[in-house]
Amino acid sequence: MSRSGLEPAAYGMHSLRRTKVAMLYRKTGNLRACQLLLGHTKLESTVRYLGVELDDALALSEALEI
């Protein structure tokens, strides 16, 4: 952590893990990718972990055309 220039007392690996995935979700809206990266078996766990409302997550997901 010290090589990154961040203060080790202010950041932990868990907070950085959450931040990285939260940024990915905000940028892409792809809950499935977040779920895979986090290793969650249930999508609901990923939604709770990211702190997003299920309605918001579903709206983002439906907005992506596949």
PDB file of N, CA and C in Angstrom:
ATOM      1  N   MET A   1       0.824  -1.183   0.000  1.00  0.00           N
ATOM      2  CA  MET A   1       0.000   0.000   0.000  1.00  0.00           C
ATOM      3  C   MET A   1       0.868   1.247   0.000  1.00  0.00           C
ATOM      4  N   SER A   2       1.982   1.221   0.691  1.00  0.00           N
ATOM      5  CA  SER A   2       2.827   2.413   0.771  1.00  0.00           C
ATOM      6  C   SER A   2       3.445   2.750  -0.582  1.00  0.00           C
ATOM      7  N   ARG A   3       3.673   1.753  -1.441  1.00  0.00           N
ATOM      8  CA  ARG A   3       4.229   2.028  -2.774  1.00  0.00           C
ATOM      9  C   ARG A   3       3.243   2.786  -3.653  1.00  0.00           C
ATOM     10  N   SER A   4       1.961   2.681  -3.361  1.00  0.00           N
ATOM     11  CA  SER A   4       0.945   3.356  -4.162  1.00  0.00           C
ATOM     12  C   SER A   4       0.837   4.836  -3.819  1.00  0.00           C
ATOM     13  N   GLY A   5       1.467   5.246  -2.725  1.00  0.00           N
ATOM     14  CA  GLY A   5       1.377   6.634  -2.303  1.00  0.00           C
ATOM     15  C   GLY A   5       0.193   6.918  -1.396  1.00  0.00           C
ATOM     16  N   LEU A   6      -0.589   5.876  -1.084  1.00  0.00           N
ATOM     17  CA  LEU A   6      -1.735   6.032  -0.192  1.00  0.00           C
ATOM     18  C   LEU A   6      -1.307   5.807   1.245  1.00  0.00           C
ATOM     19  N   GLU A   7      -1.951   6.486   2.143  1.00  0.00           N
ATOM     20  CA  GLU A   7      -1.685   6.329   3.564  1.00  0.00           C
ATOM     21  C   GLU A   7      -2.279   4.993   4.023  1.00  0.00           C
ATOM     22  N   PRO A   8      -1.447   4.027   4.422  1.00  0.00           N
ATOM     23  CA  PRO A   8      -1.944   2.701   4.800  1.00  0.00           C
ATOM     24  C   PRO A   8      -3.004   2.725   5.901  1.00  0.00           C
ATOM     25  N   ALA A   9      -2.924   3.669   6.805  1.00  0.00           N
ATOM     26  CA  ALA A   9      -3.904   3.715   7.894  1.00  0.00           C
ATOM     27  C   ALA A   9      -5.277   4.175   7.404  1.00  0.00           C
ATOM     28  N   ALA A  10      -5.327   4.863   6.274  1.00  0.00           N
ATOM     29  CA  ALA A  10      -6.592   5.401   5.786  1.00  0.00           C
ATOM     30  C   ALA A  10      -7.325   4.443   4.845  1.00  0.00           C
ATOM     31  N   TYR A  11      -6.593   3.483   4.272  1.00  0.00           N
ATOM     32  CA  TYR A  11      -7.189   2.586   3.292  1.00  0.00           C
ATOM     33  C   TYR A  11      -6.845   1.144   3.618  1.00  0.00           C
ATOM     34  N   GLY A  12      -7.811   0.284   3.388  1.00  0.00           N
ATOM     35  CA  GLY A  12      -7.576  -1.146   3.551  1.00  0.00           C
ATOM     36  C   GLY A  12      -7.854  -1.840   2.228  1.00  0.00           C
ATOM     37  N   MET A  13      -7.402  -3.057   2.112  1.00  0.00           N
ATOM     38  CA  MET A  13      -7.626  -3.803   0.880  1.00  0.00           C
ATOM     39  C   MET A  13      -9.118  -3.973   0.589  1.00  0.00           C
ATOM     40  N   HIS A  14      -9.912  -4.151   1.638  1.00  0.00           N
ATOM     41  CA  HIS A  14     -11.352  -4.333   1.429  1.00  0.00           C
ATOM     42  C   HIS A  14     -11.984  -3.070   0.872  1.00  0.00           C
ATOM     43  N   SER A  15     -11.623  -1.906   1.393  1.00  0.00           N
ATOM     44  CA  SER A  15     -12.217  -0.662   0.898  1.00  0.00           C
ATOM     45  C   SER A  15     -11.794  -0.400  -0.543  1.00  0.00           C
ATOM     46  N   LEU A  16     -10.558  -0.735  -0.903  1.00  0.00           N
ATOM     47  CA  LEU A  16     -10.114  -0.561  -2.282  1.00  0.00           C
ATOM     48  C   LEU A  16     -10.832  -1.535  -3.210  1.00  0.00           C
ATOM     49  N   ARG A  17     -11.069  -2.742  -2.740  1.00  0.00           N
ATOM     50  CA  ARG A  17     -11.794  -3.743  -3.531  1.00  0.00           C
ATOM     51  C   ARG A  17     -13.198  -3.240  -3.820  1.00  0.00           C
ATOM     52  N   ARG A  18     -13.860  -2.730  -2.800  1.00  0.00           N
ATOM     53  CA  ARG A  18     -15.225  -2.218  -2.961  1.00  0.00           C
ATOM     54  C   ARG A  18     -15.238  -1.010  -3.889  1.00  0.00           C
ATOM     55  N   THR A  19     -14.280  -0.119  -3.718  1.00  0.00           N
ATOM     56  CA  THR A  19     -14.214   1.089  -4.543  1.00  0.00           C
ATOM     57  C   THR A  19     -14.026   0.743  -6.015  1.00  0.00           C
ATOM     58  N   LYS A  20     -13.123  -0.173  -6.306  1.00  0.00           N
ATOM     59  CA  LYS A  20     -12.856  -0.574  -7.695  1.00  0.00           C
ATOM     60  C   LYS A  20     -14.119  -1.115  -8.352  1.00  0.00           C
ATOM     61  N   VAL A  21     -14.819  -2.005  -7.670  1.00  0.00           N
ATOM     62  CA  VAL A  21     -16.015  -2.608  -8.240  1.00  0.00           C
ATOM     63  C   VAL A  21     -17.148  -1.590  -8.323  1.00  0.00           C
ATOM     64  N   ALA A  22     -17.258  -0.707  -7.358  1.00  0.00           N
ATOM     65  CA  ALA A  22     -18.290   0.337  -7.402  1.00  0.00           C
ATOM     66  C   ALA A  22     -18.057   1.260  -8.595  1.00  0.00           C
ATOM     67  N   MET A  23     -16.803   1.583  -8.872  1.00  0.00           N
ATOM     68  CA  MET A  23     -16.484   2.426 -10.024  1.00  0.00           C
ATOM     69  C   MET A  23     -16.829   1.702 -11.326  1.00  0.00           C
ATOM     70  N   LEU A  24     -16.533   0.424 -11.393  1.00  0.00           N
ATOM     71  CA  LEU A  24     -16.875  -0.367 -12.567  1.00  0.00           C
ATOM     72  C   LEU A  24     -18.382  -0.378 -12.775  1.00  0.00           C
ATOM     73  N   TYR A  25     -19.127  -0.580 -11.699  1.00  0.00           N
ATOM     74  CA  TYR A  25     -20.586  -0.620 -11.809  1.00  0.00           C
ATOM     75  C   TYR A  25     -21.136   0.727 -12.279  1.00  0.00           C
ATOM     76  N   ARG A  26     -20.643   1.829 -11.699  1.00  0.00           N
ATOM     77  CA  ARG A  26     -21.125   3.155 -12.097  1.00  0.00           C
ATOM     78  C   ARG A  26     -20.823   3.448 -13.565  1.00  0.00           C
ATOM     79  N   LYS A  27     -19.681   3.004 -14.021  1.00  0.00           N
ATOM     80  CA  LYS A  27     -19.279   3.290 -15.403  1.00  0.00           C
ATOM     81  C   LYS A  27     -20.024   2.416 -16.411  1.00  0.00           C
ATOM     82  N   THR A  28     -20.265   1.151 -16.072  1.00  0.00           N
ATOM     83  CA  THR A  28     -20.849   0.217 -17.041  1.00  0.00           C
ATOM     84  C   THR A  28     -22.276  -0.201 -16.728  1.00  0.00           C
ATOM     85  N   GLY A  29     -22.657  -0.166 -15.449  1.00  0.00           N
ATOM     86  CA  GLY A  29     -23.968  -0.668 -15.061  1.00  0.00           C
ATOM     87  C   GLY A  29     -24.057  -2.186 -15.144  1.00  0.00           C
ATOM     88  N   ASN A  30     -22.918  -2.850 -15.281  1.00  0.00           N
ATOM     89  CA  ASN A  30     -22.892  -4.294 -15.478  1.00  0.00           C
ATOM     90  C   ASN A  30     -22.748  -5.018 -14.133  1.00  0.00           C
ATOM     91  N   LEU A  31     -23.892  -5.395 -13.581  1.00  0.00           N
ATOM     92  CA  LEU A  31     -23.887  -6.094 -12.292  1.00  0.00           C
ATOM     93  C   LEU A  31     -23.267  -7.480 -12.387  1.00  0.00           C
ATOM     94  N   ARG A  32     -23.470  -8.135 -13.503  1.00  0.00           N
ATOM     95  CA  ARG A  32     -22.936  -9.495 -13.665  1.00  0.00           C
ATOM     96  C   ARG A  32     -21.409  -9.479 -13.635  1.00  0.00           C
ATOM     97  N   ALA A  33     -20.809  -8.499 -14.298  1.00  0.00           N
ATOM     98  CA  ALA A  33     -19.347  -8.394 -14.270  1.00  0.00           C
ATOM     99  C   ALA A  33     -18.869  -8.155 -12.838  1.00  0.00           C
ATOM    100  N   CYS A  34     -19.577  -7.293 -12.125  1.00  0.00           N
ATOM    101  CA  CYS A  34     -19.216  -7.020 -10.731  1.00  0.00           C
ATOM    102  C   CYS A  34     -19.355  -8.277  -9.893  1.00  0.00           C
ATOM    103  N   GLN A  35     -20.431  -9.001 -10.116  1.00  0.00           N
ATOM    104  CA  GLN A  35     -20.661 -10.243  -9.385  1.00  0.00           C
ATOM    105  C   GLN A  35     -19.511 -11.218  -9.609  1.00  0.00           C
ATOM    106  N   LEU A  36     -19.097 -11.368 -10.851  1.00  0.00           N
ATOM    107  CA  LEU A  36     -18.000 -12.291 -11.165  1.00  0.00           C
ATOM    108  C   LEU A  36     -16.694 -11.848 -10.526  1.00  0.00           C
ATOM    109  N   LEU A  37     -16.400 -10.558 -10.600  1.00  0.00           N
ATOM    110  CA  LEU A  37     -15.160 -10.050 -10.008  1.00  0.00           C
ATOM    111  C   LEU A  37     -15.119 -10.231  -8.497  1.00  0.00           C
ATOM    112  N   LEU A  38     -16.279 -10.099  -7.862  1.00  0.00           N
ATOM    113  CA  LEU A  38     -16.342 -10.232  -6.408  1.00  0.00           C
ATOM    114  C   LEU A  38     -16.435 -11.687  -5.961  1.00  0.00           C
ATOM    115  N   GLY A  39     -16.778 -12.577  -6.885  1.00  0.00           N
ATOM    116  CA  GLY A  39     -16.907 -13.983  -6.526  1.00  0.00           C
ATOM    117  C   GLY A  39     -18.200 -14.298  -5.794  1.00  0.00           C
ATOM    118  N   HIS A  40     -19.210 -13.458  -5.985  1.00  0.00           N
ATOM    119  CA  HIS A  40     -20.500 -13.696  -5.334  1.00  0.00           C
ATOM    120  C   HIS A  40     -21.305 -14.716  -6.133  1.00  0.00           C
ATOM    121  N   THR A  41     -21.982 -15.613  -5.438  1.00  0.00           N
ATOM    122  CA  THR A  41     -22.822 -16.581  -6.126  1.00  0.00           C
ATOM    123  C   THR A  41     -24.219 -16.029  -6.388  1.00  0.00           C
ATOM    124  N   LYS A  42     -24.652 -15.080  -5.570  1.00  0.00           N
ATOM    125  CA  LYS A  42     -25.984 -14.493  -5.729  1.00  0.00           C
ATOM    126  C   LYS A  42     -25.860 -13.030  -6.132  1.00  0.00           C
ATOM    127  N   LEU A  43     -26.645 -12.646  -7.135  1.00  0.00           N
ATOM    128  CA  LEU A  43     -26.644 -11.259  -7.589  1.00  0.00           C
ATOM    129  C   LEU A  43     -27.101 -10.320  -6.472  1.00  0.00           C
ATOM    130  N   GLU A  44     -27.993 -10.795  -5.633  1.00  0.00           N
ATOM    131  CA  GLU A  44     -28.485  -9.983  -4.519  1.00  0.00           C
ATOM    132  C   GLU A  44     -27.346  -9.593  -3.570  1.00  0.00           C
ATOM    133  N   SER A  45     -26.388 -10.478  -3.399  1.00  0.00           N
ATOM    134  CA  SER A  45     -25.238 -10.172  -2.550  1.00  0.00           C
ATOM    135  C   SER A  45     -24.419  -9.041  -3.145  1.00  0.00           C
ATOM    136  N   THR A  46     -24.257  -9.052  -4.454  1.00  0.00           N
ATOM    137  CA  THR A  46     -23.508  -8.000  -5.133  1.00  0.00           C
ATOM    138  C   THR A  46     -24.231  -6.665  -5.002  1.00  0.00           C
ATOM    139  N   VAL A  47     -25.536  -6.677  -5.161  1.00  0.00           N
ATOM    140  CA  VAL A  47     -26.336  -5.455  -5.038  1.00  0.00           C
ATOM    141  C   VAL A  47     -26.183  -4.877  -3.634  1.00  0.00           C
ATOM    142  N   ARG A  48     -26.276  -5.726  -2.624  1.00  0.00           N
ATOM    143  CA  ARG A  48     -26.104  -5.261  -1.234  1.00  0.00           C
ATOM    144  C   ARG A  48     -24.699  -4.734  -1.015  1.00  0.00           C
ATOM    145  N   TYR A  49     -23.710  -5.437  -1.517  1.00  0.00           N
ATOM    146  CA  TYR A  49     -22.300  -5.060  -1.345  1.00  0.00           C
ATOM    147  C   TYR A  49     -22.023  -3.694  -1.945  1.00  0.00           C
ATOM    148  N   LEU A  50     -22.600  -3.438  -3.115  1.00  0.00           N
ATOM    149  CA  LEU A  50     -22.387  -2.158  -3.785  1.00  0.00           C
ATOM    150  C   LEU A  50     -23.250  -1.044  -3.204  1.00  0.00           C
ATOM    151  N   GLY A  51     -24.274  -1.418  -2.453  1.00  0.00           N
ATOM    152  CA  GLY A  51     -25.137  -0.409  -1.842  1.00  0.00           C
ATOM    153  C   GLY A  51     -26.079   0.237  -2.839  1.00  0.00           C
ATOM    154  N   VAL A  52     -26.429  -0.479  -3.886  1.00  0.00           N
ATOM    155  CA  VAL A  52     -27.376   0.064  -4.857  1.00  0.00           C
ATOM    156  C   VAL A  52     -28.750  -0.526  -4.598  1.00  0.00           C
ATOM    157  N   GLU A  53     -29.754   0.235  -4.983  1.00  0.00           N
ATOM    158  CA  GLU A  53     -31.122  -0.254  -4.865  1.00  0.00           C
ATOM    159  C   GLU A  53     -31.390  -1.204  -6.020  1.00  0.00           C
ATOM    160  N   LEU A  54     -32.131  -2.248  -5.774  1.00  0.00           N
ATOM    161  CA  LEU A  54     -32.407  -3.244  -6.802  1.00  0.00           C
ATOM    162  C   LEU A  54     -33.116  -2.613  -7.996  1.00  0.00           C
ATOM    163  N   ASP A  55     -34.064  -1.707  -7.748  1.00  0.00           N
ATOM    164  CA  ASP A  55     -34.768  -1.049  -8.854  1.00  0.00           C
ATOM    165  C   ASP A  55     -33.798  -0.275  -9.742  1.00  0.00           C
ATOM    166  N   ASP A  56     -32.840   0.427  -9.121  1.00  0.00           N
ATOM    167  CA  ASP A  56     -31.839   1.165  -9.884  1.00  0.00           C
ATOM    168  C   ASP A  56     -30.972   0.215 -10.692  1.00  0.00           C
ATOM    169  N   ALA A  57     -30.571  -0.877 -10.074  1.00  0.00           N
ATOM    170  CA  ALA A  57     -29.721  -1.846 -10.743  1.00  0.00           C
ATOM    171  C   ALA A  57     -30.449  -2.474 -11.932  1.00  0.00           C
ATOM    172  N   LEU A  58     -31.702  -2.811 -11.764  1.00  0.00           N
ATOM    173  CA  LEU A  58     -32.463  -3.404 -12.852  1.00  0.00           C
ATOM    174  C   LEU A  58     -32.694  -2.402 -13.980  1.00  0.00           C
ATOM    175  N   ALA A  59     -32.945  -1.147 -13.635  1.00  0.00           N
ATOM    176  CA  ALA A  59     -33.116  -0.110 -14.656  1.00  0.00           C
ATOM    177  C   ALA A  59     -31.849   0.062 -15.483  1.00  0.00           C
ATOM    178  N   LEU A  60     -30.713   0.073 -14.826  1.00  0.00           N
ATOM    179  CA  LEU A  60     -29.445   0.169 -15.556  1.00  0.00           C
ATOM    180  C   LEU A  60     -29.245  -1.045 -16.449  1.00  0.00           C
ATOM    181  N   SER A  61     -29.543  -2.187 -15.924  1.00  0.00           N
ATOM    182  CA  SER A  61     -29.353  -3.423 -16.675  1.00  0.00           C
ATOM    183  C   SER A  61     -30.259  -3.454 -17.902  1.00  0.00           C
ATOM    184  N   GLU A  62     -31.497  -3.032 -17.744  1.00  0.00           N
ATOM    185  CA  GLU A  62     -32.429  -3.040 -18.847  1.00  0.00           C
ATOM    186  C   GLU A  62     -32.090  -1.976 -19.895  1.00  0.00           C
ATOM    187  N   ALA A  63     -31.386  -0.936 -19.499  1.00  0.00           N
ATOM    188  CA  ALA A  63     -31.029   0.130 -20.434  1.00  0.00           C
ATOM    189  C   ALA A  63     -29.949  -0.313 -21.416  1.00  0.00           C
ATOM    190  N   LEU A  64     -29.227  -1.367 -21.095  1.00  0.00           N
ATOM    191  CA  LEU A  64     -28.195  -1.871 -21.992  1.00  0.00           C
ATOM    192  C   LEU A  64     -28.832  -2.767 -23.042  1.00  0.00           C
ATOM    193  N   GLU A  65     -28.616  -2.415 -24.295  1.00  0.00           N
ATOM    194  CA  GLU A  65     -29.142  -3.233 -25.366  1.00  0.00           C
ATOM    195  C   GLU A  65     -28.185  -4.358 -25.692  1.00  0.00           C
ATOM    196  N   ILE A  66     -28.732  -5.549 -25.762  1.00  0.00           N
ATOM    197  CA  ILE A  66     -27.906  -6.713 -26.109  1.00  0.00           C
ATOM    198  C   ILE A  66     -28.542  -7.413 -27.288  1.00  0.00           C
TER     199      ILE A  66
END
